[in-house]
């Protein structure tokens, strides 16, 4: 497996994915859930098969006066309705009116969050992500401080951050597309999934980097040096471990995605995508970037 020889193929493939994700992000934007912007999610079940989506929307619009309601249909005659905001008094009033109008109506869930709380949550997650990136940068630079040839230790850290951007922007782009295509909303679960991807991806990258470091020490002791060969050897030695670890995570997540609750569906999907993309970047992007960033002079 000659990763270095075919590095341009991997770079082009990743560039296409990144550009498509950036386009989706700026073109469609992210459809934020009530966790982040505030509002009310109300899940109800109407077993009366004569009641359609339009009937429910019309009735709730008349009751609340909101013309911009969003509604999602789920299996087993469940509906998730999103309001800008309703009080507990109106909540009970609407429920009683629906039960009187459509008879067999059951409430499955009700969640209401103020806009101030949503903004505070976004700010906290942003700071958590920035602090996490800074901690990763400092740790990798320190851990590889004794490796100074042919790539400085701080370059390992910067390449790790580049790979993290690669691993984060692709799930973000996919969710932006799903938000435009299917109305999929992101919430705090999505941000937690991104933070998980940060840790998992960097862990996988460090495993490859650490094997490169060990091989560099052994090669220097033998008074001969081939950086491309060192990298290819390190990737070959860690390839099976990386694939097996990621495959185990994905196989554990798939049943939860298929059979789990709807509220966790896109959280699990983000984890699956991030795990696959993170493994790919650790093997096919991080290592070739080390070779590209080496000093060109002997």
C-alpha atoms as a PDB file:
ATOM      1  CA  UNK A   1       0.000   0.000   0.000  1.00  0.00           C
ATOM      2  CA  UNK A   2       1.720   3.138  -1.259  1.00  0.00           C
ATOM      3  CA  UNK A   3      -0.243   5.978   0.342  1.00  0.00           C
ATOM      4  CA  UNK A   4       2.343   8.607  -0.591  1.00  0.00           C
ATOM      5  CA  UNK A   5       2.459   7.678  -4.267  1.00  0.00           C
ATOM      6  CA  UNK A   6      -1.307   8.054  -4.682  1.00  0.00           C
ATOM      7  CA  UNK A   7      -1.713  10.992  -2.281  1.00  0.00           C
ATOM      8  CA  UNK A   8      -3.076  13.354  -4.947  1.00  0.00           C
ATOM      9  CA  UNK A   9      -6.046  11.043  -5.521  1.00  0.00           C
ATOM     10  CA  UNK A  10      -6.925  11.163  -1.826  1.00  0.00           C
ATOM     11  CA  UNK A  11      -6.425  14.937  -1.681  1.00  0.00           C
ATOM     12  CA  UNK A  12      -8.701  15.505  -4.685  1.00  0.00           C
ATOM     13  CA  UNK A  13     -11.405  13.225  -3.280  1.00  0.00           C
ATOM     14  CA  UNK A  14     -11.355  15.014   0.073  1.00  0.00           C
ATOM     15  CA  UNK A  15     -11.298  18.424  -1.623  1.00  0.00           C
ATOM     16  CA  UNK A  16     -14.465  17.524  -3.534  1.00  0.00           C
ATOM     17  CA  UNK A  17     -16.219  16.434  -0.329  1.00  0.00           C
ATOM     18  CA  UNK A  18     -15.108  19.554   1.547  1.00  0.00           C
ATOM     19  CA  UNK A  19     -16.150  21.947  -1.238  1.00  0.00           C
ATOM     20  CA  UNK A  20     -19.533  20.219  -1.569  1.00  0.00           C
ATOM     21  CA  UNK A  21     -20.028  20.444   2.213  1.00  0.00           C
ATOM     22  CA  UNK A  22     -19.062  24.123   2.338  1.00  0.00           C
ATOM     23  CA  UNK A  23     -21.429  24.831  -0.562  1.00  0.00           C
ATOM     24  CA  UNK A  24     -24.280  23.015   1.219  1.00  0.00           C
ATOM     25  CA  UNK A  25     -23.566  24.875   4.452  1.00  0.00           C
ATOM     26  CA  UNK A  26     -23.633  28.360   2.881  1.00  0.00           C
ATOM     27  CA  UNK A  27     -26.322  27.566   0.330  1.00  0.00           C
ATOM     28  CA  UNK A  28     -28.840  25.798   2.563  1.00  0.00           C
ATOM     29  CA  UNK A  29     -27.701  26.728   6.069  1.00  0.00           C
ATOM     30  CA  UNK A  30     -28.391  24.669   9.176  1.00  0.00           C
ATOM     31  CA  UNK A  31     -31.967  24.121  10.276  1.00  0.00           C
ATOM     32  CA  UNK A  32     -31.665  24.612  14.026  1.00  0.00           C
ATOM     33  CA  UNK A  33     -33.902  22.832  16.502  1.00  0.00           C
ATOM     34  CA  UNK A  34     -35.568  24.366  19.518  1.00  0.00           C
ATOM     35  CA  UNK A  35     -32.562  23.438  21.689  1.00  0.00           C
ATOM     36  CA  UNK A  36     -30.574  26.132  19.901  1.00  0.00           C
ATOM     37  CA  UNK A  37     -33.099  28.813  18.920  1.00  0.00           C
ATOM     38  CA  UNK A  38     -35.927  28.264  21.393  1.00  0.00           C
ATOM     39  CA  UNK A  39     -39.517  27.216  20.710  1.00  0.00           C
ATOM     40  CA  UNK A  40     -41.866  24.328  21.368  1.00  0.00           C
ATOM     41  CA  UNK A  41     -41.902  20.768  20.038  1.00  0.00           C
ATOM     42  CA  UNK A  42     -45.145  18.891  20.564  1.00  0.00           C
ATOM     43  CA  UNK A  43     -45.498  15.230  19.639  1.00  0.00           C
ATOM     44  CA  UNK A  44     -49.011  13.853  19.442  1.00  0.00           C
ATOM     45  CA  UNK A  45     -50.573  10.644  18.183  1.00  0.00           C
ATOM     46  CA  UNK A  46     -53.909  10.621  16.361  1.00  0.00           C
ATOM     47  CA  UNK A  47     -55.227   7.119  15.773  1.00  0.00           C
ATOM     48  CA  UNK A  48     -58.173   8.382  13.741  1.00  0.00           C
ATOM     49  CA  UNK A  49     -57.096   7.497  10.183  1.00  0.00           C
ATOM     50  CA  UNK A  50     -59.556   9.999   8.728  1.00  0.00           C
ATOM     51  CA  UNK A  51     -57.440  12.864  10.053  1.00  0.00           C
ATOM     52  CA  UNK A  52     -54.776  14.070   7.620  1.00  0.00           C
ATOM     53  CA  UNK A  53     -51.734  16.276   8.086  1.00  0.00           C
ATOM     54  CA  UNK A  54     -53.592  19.204   6.581  1.00  0.00           C
ATOM     55  CA  UNK A  55     -56.533  18.718   8.959  1.00  0.00           C
ATOM     56  CA  UNK A  56     -54.220  18.864  11.962  1.00  0.00           C
ATOM     57  CA  UNK A  57     -52.313  21.848  10.607  1.00  0.00           C
ATOM     58  CA  UNK A  58     -55.518  23.747   9.868  1.00  0.00           C
ATOM     59  CA  UNK A  59     -56.911  23.108  13.332  1.00  0.00           C
ATOM     60  CA  UNK A  60     -53.714  24.105  15.149  1.00  0.00           C
ATOM     61  CA  UNK A  61     -53.326  27.222  13.008  1.00  0.00           C
ATOM     62  CA  UNK A  62     -56.856  28.270  13.898  1.00  0.00           C
ATOM     63  CA  UNK A  63     -56.273  27.583  17.609  1.00  0.00           C
ATOM     64  CA  UNK A  64     -52.869  29.249  17.952  1.00  0.00           C
ATOM     65  CA  UNK A  65     -52.990  31.942  15.306  1.00  0.00           C
ATOM     66  CA  UNK A  66     -49.520  30.881  14.057  1.00  0.00           C
ATOM     67  CA  UNK A  67     -49.360  30.523  10.295  1.00  0.00           C
ATOM     68  CA  UNK A  68     -45.746  29.290  10.226  1.00  0.00           C
ATOM     69  CA  UNK A  69     -46.168  25.952  11.974  1.00  0.00           C
ATOM     70  CA  UNK A  70     -43.835  23.150  10.893  1.00  0.00           C
ATOM     71  CA  UNK A  71     -45.031  19.573  11.069  1.00  0.00           C
ATOM     72  CA  UNK A  72     -43.269  16.226  10.683  1.00  0.00           C
ATOM     73  CA  UNK A  73     -45.118  12.943  10.190  1.00  0.00           C
ATOM     74  CA  UNK A  74     -43.751   9.867  11.991  1.00  0.00           C
ATOM     75  CA  UNK A  75     -44.738   6.195  11.891  1.00  0.00           C
ATOM     76  CA  UNK A  76     -47.807   4.958  13.839  1.00  0.00           C
ATOM     77  CA  UNK A  77     -49.795   8.142  13.216  1.00  0.00           C
ATOM     78  CA  UNK A  78     -47.439  10.332  15.238  1.00  0.00           C
ATOM     79  CA  UNK A  79     -46.913  13.998  14.421  1.00  0.00           C
ATOM     80  CA  UNK A  80     -44.301  16.461  15.678  1.00  0.00           C
ATOM     81  CA  UNK A  81     -45.525  20.057  15.592  1.00  0.00           C
ATOM     82  CA  UNK A  82     -43.202  22.972  16.178  1.00  0.00           C
ATOM     83  CA  UNK A  83     -44.502  26.285  17.486  1.00  0.00           C
ATOM     84  CA  UNK A  84     -42.504  29.485  17.985  1.00  0.00           C
ATOM     85  CA  UNK A  85     -43.568  29.370  21.639  1.00  0.00           C
ATOM     86  CA  UNK A  86     -46.710  28.462  23.614  1.00  0.00           C
ATOM     87  CA  UNK A  87     -47.502  28.695  27.302  1.00  0.00           C
ATOM     88  CA  UNK A  88     -48.585  25.759  29.460  1.00  0.00           C
ATOM     89  CA  UNK A  89     -52.091  27.205  29.596  1.00  0.00           C
ATOM     90  CA  UNK A  90     -52.379  27.236  25.810  1.00  0.00           C
ATOM     91  CA  UNK A  91     -50.750  23.804  25.658  1.00  0.00           C
ATOM     92  CA  UNK A  92     -53.555  22.275  27.688  1.00  0.00           C
ATOM     93  CA  UNK A  93     -56.159  24.302  25.815  1.00  0.00           C
ATOM     94  CA  UNK A  94     -54.942  23.059  22.414  1.00  0.00           C
ATOM     95  CA  UNK A  95     -54.770  19.461  23.628  1.00  0.00           C
ATOM     96  CA  UNK A  96     -58.340  19.527  24.875  1.00  0.00           C
ATOM     97  CA  UNK A  97     -59.528  21.116  21.625  1.00  0.00           C
ATOM     98  CA  UNK A  98     -57.795  18.437  19.524  1.00  0.00           C
ATOM     99  CA  UNK A  99     -59.266  15.655  21.662  1.00  0.00           C
ATOM    100  CA  UNK A 100     -62.705  17.148  21.218  1.00  0.00           C
ATOM    101  CA  UNK A 101     -62.225  17.583  17.463  1.00  0.00           C
ATOM    102  CA  UNK A 102     -60.467  14.331  16.502  1.00  0.00           C
ATOM    103  CA  UNK A 103     -61.364  12.089  19.486  1.00  0.00           C
ATOM    104  CA  UNK A 104     -58.491   9.557  19.858  1.00  0.00           C
ATOM    105  CA  UNK A 105     -55.604  11.973  20.499  1.00  0.00           C
ATOM    106  CA  UNK A 106     -52.679  11.121  22.783  1.00  0.00           C
ATOM    107  CA  UNK A 107     -49.785  13.348  23.792  1.00  0.00           C
ATOM    108  CA  UNK A 108     -46.403  11.630  23.357  1.00  0.00           C
ATOM    109  CA  UNK A 109     -44.096  14.490  24.282  1.00  0.00           C
ATOM    110  CA  UNK A 110     -43.924  18.221  24.922  1.00  0.00           C
ATOM    111  CA  UNK A 111     -40.728  20.286  25.025  1.00  0.00           C
ATOM    112  CA  UNK A 112     -40.451  24.046  25.323  1.00  0.00           C
ATOM    113  CA  UNK A 113     -37.233  26.089  25.534  1.00  0.00           C
ATOM    114  CA  UNK A 114     -36.846  29.857  25.661  1.00  0.00           C
ATOM    115  CA  UNK A 115     -34.680  31.648  23.067  1.00  0.00           C
ATOM    116  CA  UNK A 116     -32.264  32.917  25.744  1.00  0.00           C
ATOM    117  CA  UNK A 117     -31.453  29.366  26.851  1.00  0.00           C
ATOM    118  CA  UNK A 118     -30.911  28.341  23.240  1.00  0.00           C
ATOM    119  CA  UNK A 119     -28.390  31.117  22.660  1.00  0.00           C
ATOM    120  CA  UNK A 120     -26.604  30.264  25.901  1.00  0.00           C
ATOM    121  CA  UNK A 121     -26.307  26.602  24.867  1.00  0.00           C
ATOM    122  CA  UNK A 122     -24.806  27.565  21.493  1.00  0.00           C
ATOM    123  CA  UNK A 123     -22.265  29.829  23.171  1.00  0.00           C
ATOM    124  CA  UNK A 124     -21.246  27.115  25.629  1.00  0.00           C
ATOM    125  CA  UNK A 125     -20.784  24.508  22.926  1.00  0.00           C
ATOM    126  CA  UNK A 126     -18.758  26.947  20.844  1.00  0.00           C
ATOM    127  CA  UNK A 127     -16.417  27.607  23.742  1.00  0.00           C
ATOM    128  CA  UNK A 128     -16.196  23.882  24.471  1.00  0.00           C
ATOM    129  CA  UNK A 129     -15.153  23.217  20.866  1.00  0.00           C
ATOM    130  CA  UNK A 130     -12.550  25.996  20.832  1.00  0.00           C
ATOM    131  CA  UNK A 131     -11.046  24.940  24.159  1.00  0.00           C
ATOM    132  CA  UNK A 132     -10.964  21.339  22.956  1.00  0.00           C
ATOM    133  CA  UNK A 133      -9.120  22.312  19.773  1.00  0.00           C
ATOM    134  CA  UNK A 134      -6.605  24.391  21.725  1.00  0.00           C
ATOM    135  CA  UNK A 135      -6.003  21.536  24.168  1.00  0.00           C
ATOM    136  CA  UNK A 136      -5.493  19.083  21.295  1.00  0.00           C
ATOM    137  CA  UNK A 137      -3.072  21.459  19.566  1.00  0.00           C
ATOM    138  CA  UNK A 138      -0.960  21.891  22.707  1.00  0.00           C
ATOM    139  CA  UNK A 139      -1.010  18.204  23.583  1.00  0.00           C
ATOM    140  CA  UNK A 140       0.068  16.948  20.151  1.00  0.00           C
ATOM    141  CA  UNK A 141       2.840  19.550  19.908  1.00  0.00           C
ATOM    142  CA  UNK A 142       4.108  18.473  23.350  1.00  0.00           C
ATOM    143  CA  UNK A 143       3.764  14.737  22.740  1.00  0.00           C
ATOM    144  CA  UNK A 144       5.835  14.937  19.545  1.00  0.00           C
ATOM    145  CA  UNK A 145       8.374  17.447  20.874  1.00  0.00           C
ATOM    146  CA  UNK A 146      11.260  14.976  20.470  1.00  0.00           C
ATOM    147  CA  UNK A 147      10.511  14.468  16.766  1.00  0.00           C
ATOM    148  CA  UNK A 148      12.141  17.332  14.921  1.00  0.00           C
ATOM    149  CA  UNK A 149      13.270  15.722  11.673  1.00  0.00           C
ATOM    150  CA  UNK A 150      12.140  15.911   8.974  1.00  0.00           C
ATOM    151  CA  UNK A 151       8.887  17.516  10.239  1.00  0.00           C
ATOM    152  CA  UNK A 152       8.734  19.811  13.265  1.00  0.00           C
ATOM    153  CA  UNK A 153       6.514  18.717  16.139  1.00  0.00           C
ATOM    154  CA  UNK A 154       4.119  21.670  15.811  1.00  0.00           C
ATOM    155  CA  UNK A 155       3.356  20.562  12.240  1.00  0.00           C
ATOM    156  CA  UNK A 156       1.932  17.300  13.580  1.00  0.00           C
ATOM    157  CA  UNK A 157      -0.483  19.371  15.660  1.00  0.00           C
ATOM    158  CA  UNK A 158      -1.478  21.654  12.781  1.00  0.00           C
ATOM    159  CA  UNK A 159      -2.052  18.707  10.454  1.00  0.00           C
ATOM    160  CA  UNK A 160      -4.196  17.130  13.164  1.00  0.00           C
ATOM    161  CA  UNK A 161      -6.338  20.287  13.309  1.00  0.00           C
ATOM    162  CA  UNK A 162      -6.643  20.306   9.499  1.00  0.00           C
ATOM    163  CA  UNK A 163      -7.902  16.724   9.619  1.00  0.00           C
ATOM    164  CA  UNK A 164     -10.373  17.667  12.351  1.00  0.00           C
ATOM    165  CA  UNK A 165     -11.785  20.399  10.101  1.00  0.00           C
ATOM    166  CA  UNK A 166     -12.046  17.788   7.331  1.00  0.00           C
ATOM    167  CA  UNK A 167     -13.895  15.399   9.657  1.00  0.00           C
ATOM    168  CA  UNK A 168     -16.289  18.038  11.019  1.00  0.00           C
ATOM    169  CA  UNK A 169     -17.222  19.934   7.864  1.00  0.00           C
ATOM    170  CA  UNK A 170     -18.380  16.826   5.966  1.00  0.00           C
ATOM    171  CA  UNK A 171     -21.051  15.777   8.532  1.00  0.00           C
ATOM    172  CA  UNK A 172     -22.075  19.445   8.785  1.00  0.00           C
ATOM    173  CA  UNK A 173     -22.524  19.621   5.010  1.00  0.00           C
ATOM    174  CA  UNK A 174     -24.568  16.414   4.965  1.00  0.00           C
ATOM    175  CA  UNK A 175     -26.851  17.699   7.727  1.00  0.00           C
ATOM    176  CA  UNK A 176     -27.258  21.015   5.898  1.00  0.00           C
ATOM    177  CA  UNK A 177     -28.359  19.090   2.807  1.00  0.00           C
ATOM    178  CA  UNK A 178     -30.752  16.920   4.832  1.00  0.00           C
ATOM    179  CA  UNK A 179     -32.164  20.039   6.457  1.00  0.00           C
ATOM    180  CA  UNK A 180     -32.921  21.474   3.021  1.00  0.00           C
ATOM    181  CA  UNK A 181     -34.138  18.161   1.572  1.00  0.00           C
ATOM    182  CA  UNK A 182     -36.037  16.623   4.485  1.00  0.00           C
ATOM    183  CA  UNK A 183     -36.366  19.421   7.010  1.00  0.00           C
ATOM    184  CA  UNK A 184     -33.908  17.720   9.381  1.00  0.00           C
ATOM    185  CA  UNK A 185     -33.075  19.910  12.374  1.00  0.00           C
ATOM    186  CA  UNK A 186     -29.848  19.974  14.347  1.00  0.00           C
ATOM    187  CA  UNK A 187     -29.936  20.121  18.132  1.00  0.00           C
ATOM    188  CA  UNK A 188     -27.605  19.724  21.082  1.00  0.00           C
ATOM    189  CA  UNK A 189     -27.245  16.019  20.267  1.00  0.00           C
ATOM    190  CA  UNK A 190     -25.691  16.981  16.934  1.00  0.00           C
ATOM    191  CA  UNK A 191     -23.154  19.236  18.641  1.00  0.00           C
ATOM    192  CA  UNK A 192     -22.318  16.488  21.131  1.00  0.00           C
ATOM    193  CA  UNK A 193     -21.741  14.170  18.154  1.00  0.00           C
ATOM    194  CA  UNK A 194     -19.330  16.699  16.635  1.00  0.00           C
ATOM    195  CA  UNK A 195     -17.377  16.876  19.888  1.00  0.00           C
ATOM    196  CA  UNK A 196     -17.201  13.083  19.931  1.00  0.00           C
ATOM    197  CA  UNK A 197     -15.878  13.125  16.362  1.00  0.00           C
ATOM    198  CA  UNK A 198     -13.157  15.584  17.422  1.00  0.00           C
ATOM    199  CA  UNK A 199     -11.878  13.181  20.038  1.00  0.00           C
ATOM    200  CA  UNK A 200     -12.258   9.979  18.016  1.00  0.00           C
ATOM    201  CA  UNK A 201     -10.644  11.394  14.891  1.00  0.00           C
ATOM    202  CA  UNK A 202      -7.667  12.850  16.734  1.00  0.00           C
ATOM    203  CA  UNK A 203      -7.207   9.595  18.635  1.00  0.00           C
ATOM    204  CA  UNK A 204      -7.005   7.663  15.365  1.00  0.00           C
ATOM    205  CA  UNK A 205      -4.641  10.218  13.835  1.00  0.00           C
ATOM    206  CA  UNK A 206      -2.308  10.146  16.831  1.00  0.00           C
ATOM    207  CA  UNK A 207      -2.056   6.350  16.576  1.00  0.00           C
ATOM    208  CA  UNK A 208      -0.710   6.692  13.022  1.00  0.00           C
ATOM    209  CA  UNK A 209       1.542   9.622  13.944  1.00  0.00           C
ATOM    210  CA  UNK A 210       2.951   7.754  16.926  1.00  0.00           C
ATOM    211  CA  UNK A 211       3.910   4.793  14.759  1.00  0.00           C
ATOM    212  CA  UNK A 212       5.585   7.186  12.301  1.00  0.00           C
ATOM    213  CA  UNK A 213       7.541   8.654  15.220  1.00  0.00           C
ATOM    214  CA  UNK A 214       8.693   5.220  16.353  1.00  0.00           C
ATOM    215  CA  UNK A 215       9.719   4.249  12.830  1.00  0.00           C
ATOM    216  CA  UNK A 216      11.661   7.508  12.448  1.00  0.00           C
ATOM    217  CA  UNK A 217      13.679   6.730  15.572  1.00  0.00           C
ATOM    218  CA  UNK A 218      14.444   3.204  14.354  1.00  0.00           C
ATOM    219  CA  UNK A 219      15.352   4.434  10.883  1.00  0.00           C
ATOM    220  CA  UNK A 220      17.690   7.117  12.196  1.00  0.00           C
ATOM    221  CA  UNK A 221      19.496   4.531  14.279  1.00  0.00           C
ATOM    222  CA  UNK A 222      20.205   2.599  11.088  1.00  0.00           C
ATOM    223  CA  UNK A 223      21.715   5.672   9.405  1.00  0.00           C
ATOM    224  CA  UNK A 224      19.400   5.512   6.428  1.00  0.00           C
ATOM    225  CA  UNK A 225      16.319   7.546   5.700  1.00  0.00           C
ATOM    226  CA  UNK A 226      13.307   7.296   3.383  1.00  0.00           C
ATOM    227  CA  UNK A 227      10.445   9.406   4.723  1.00  0.00           C
ATOM    228  CA  UNK A 228       7.898   8.075   2.216  1.00  0.00           C
ATOM    229  CA  UNK A 229       8.845   4.523   3.145  1.00  0.00           C
ATOM    230  CA  UNK A 230       8.602   5.311   6.850  1.00  0.00           C
ATOM    231  CA  UNK A 231       5.088   6.713   6.422  1.00  0.00           C
ATOM    232  CA  UNK A 232       3.888   3.830   4.246  1.00  0.00           C
ATOM    233  CA  UNK A 233       5.274   1.340   6.742  1.00  0.00           C
ATOM    234  CA  UNK A 234       3.545   3.102   9.662  1.00  0.00           C
ATOM    235  CA  UNK A 235       0.212   3.186   7.828  1.00  0.00           C
ATOM    236  CA  UNK A 236       0.528  -0.495   6.956  1.00  0.00           C
ATOM    237  CA  UNK A 237       1.257  -1.372  10.587  1.00  0.00           C
ATOM    238  CA  UNK A 238      -1.757   0.565  11.939  1.00  0.00           C
ATOM    239  CA  UNK A 239      -4.198   0.037   9.056  1.00  0.00           C
ATOM    240  CA  UNK A 240      -5.822  -3.101  10.442  1.00  0.00           C
ATOM    241  CA  UNK A 241      -6.195  -1.635  13.908  1.00  0.00           C
ATOM    242  CA  UNK A 242      -7.802   1.568  12.624  1.00  0.00           C
ATOM    243  CA  UNK A 243     -10.246  -0.241  10.355  1.00  0.00           C
ATOM    244  CA  UNK A 244     -11.226  -2.796  13.000  1.00  0.00           C
ATOM    245  CA  UNK A 245     -11.773  -0.123  15.668  1.00  0.00           C
ATOM    246  CA  UNK A 246     -13.917   2.041  13.401  1.00  0.00           C
ATOM    247  CA  UNK A 247     -15.840  -0.931  12.027  1.00  0.00           C
ATOM    248  CA  UNK A 248     -16.689  -2.002  15.570  1.00  0.00           C
ATOM    249  CA  UNK A 249     -18.058   1.460  16.352  1.00  0.00           C
ATOM    250  CA  UNK A 250     -20.108   1.579  13.144  1.00  0.00           C
ATOM    251  CA  UNK A 251     -21.543  -1.909  13.655  1.00  0.00           C
ATOM    252  CA  UNK A 252     -22.568  -0.954  17.185  1.00  0.00           C
ATOM    253  CA  UNK A 253     -24.266   2.220  15.925  1.00  0.00           C
ATOM    254  CA  UNK A 254     -26.173   0.720  12.983  1.00  0.00           C
ATOM    255  CA  UNK A 255     -28.817  -1.151  15.042  1.00  0.00           C
ATOM    256  CA  UNK A 256     -29.413   2.002  17.084  1.00  0.00           C
ATOM    257  CA  UNK A 257     -29.858   3.983  13.870  1.00  0.00           C
ATOM    258  CA  UNK A 258     -32.307   1.465  12.397  1.00  0.00           C
ATOM    259  CA  UNK A 259     -34.278   0.452  15.488  1.00  0.00           C
ATOM    260  CA  UNK A 260     -33.592   3.300  17.926  1.00  0.00           C
ATOM    261  CA  UNK A 261     -35.910   6.201  18.761  1.00  0.00           C
ATOM    262  CA  UNK A 262     -36.474   8.883  16.146  1.00  0.00           C
ATOM    263  CA  UNK A 263     -35.024  11.547  18.465  1.00  0.00           C
ATOM    264  CA  UNK A 264     -31.586   9.866  18.244  1.00  0.00           C
ATOM    265  CA  UNK A 265     -31.683   8.986  14.544  1.00  0.00           C
ATOM    266  CA  UNK A 266     -29.599  11.891  13.227  1.00  0.00           C
ATOM    267  CA  UNK A 267     -27.349  11.918  16.279  1.00  0.00           C
ATOM    268  CA  UNK A 268     -26.352   8.334  15.480  1.00  0.00           C
ATOM    269  CA  UNK A 269     -26.089   9.111  11.756  1.00  0.00           C
ATOM    270  CA  UNK A 270     -23.648  11.932  12.517  1.00  0.00           C
ATOM    271  CA  UNK A 271     -21.537   9.582  14.641  1.00  0.00           C
ATOM    272  CA  UNK A 272     -21.444   6.971  11.880  1.00  0.00           C
ATOM    273  CA  UNK A 273     -20.443   9.491   9.210  1.00  0.00           C
ATOM    274  CA  UNK A 274     -17.856  11.106  11.482  1.00  0.00           C
ATOM    275  CA  UNK A 275     -16.314   7.748  12.395  1.00  0.00           C
ATOM    276  CA  UNK A 276     -15.948   6.726   8.738  1.00  0.00           C
ATOM    277  CA  UNK A 277     -14.616  10.113   7.633  1.00  0.00           C
ATOM    278  CA  UNK A 278     -12.259  10.329  10.623  1.00  0.00           C
ATOM    279  CA  UNK A 279     -10.750   6.937   9.860  1.00  0.00           C
ATOM    280  CA  UNK A 280     -10.291   7.897   6.227  1.00  0.00           C
ATOM    281  CA  UNK A 281      -8.556  11.184   7.074  1.00  0.00           C
ATOM    282  CA  UNK A 282      -6.243   9.561   9.631  1.00  0.00           C
ATOM    283  CA  UNK A 283      -4.933   7.116   7.044  1.00  0.00           C
ATOM    284  CA  UNK A 284      -5.194   8.859   3.685  1.00  0.00           C
ATOM    285  CA  UNK A 285      -4.931  12.583   4.551  1.00  0.00           C
ATOM    286  CA  UNK A 286      -2.904  13.106   7.737  1.00  0.00           C
ATOM    287  CA  UNK A 287       0.053  10.938   6.753  1.00  0.00           C
ATOM    288  CA  UNK A 288       0.441  12.299   3.178  1.00  0.00           C
ATOM    289  CA  UNK A 289       0.224  15.851   4.548  1.00  0.00           C
ATOM    290  CA  UNK A 290       3.259  15.109   6.706  1.00  0.00           C
ATOM    291  CA  UNK A 291       5.161  14.090   3.590  1.00  0.00           C
ATOM    292  CA  UNK A 292       4.032  17.143   1.633  1.00  0.00           C
ATOM    293  CA  UNK A 293       5.024  19.502   4.469  1.00  0.00           C
ATOM    294  CA  UNK A 294       8.545  18.081   4.839  1.00  0.00           C
ATOM    295  CA  UNK A 295      11.502  20.316   3.923  1.00  0.00           C
ATOM    296  CA  UNK A 296      12.303  19.864   0.248  1.00  0.00           C
ATOM    297  CA  UNK A 297      16.076  20.314   0.690  1.00  0.00           C
ATOM    298  CA  UNK A 298      18.274  17.386   1.758  1.00  0.00           C
END
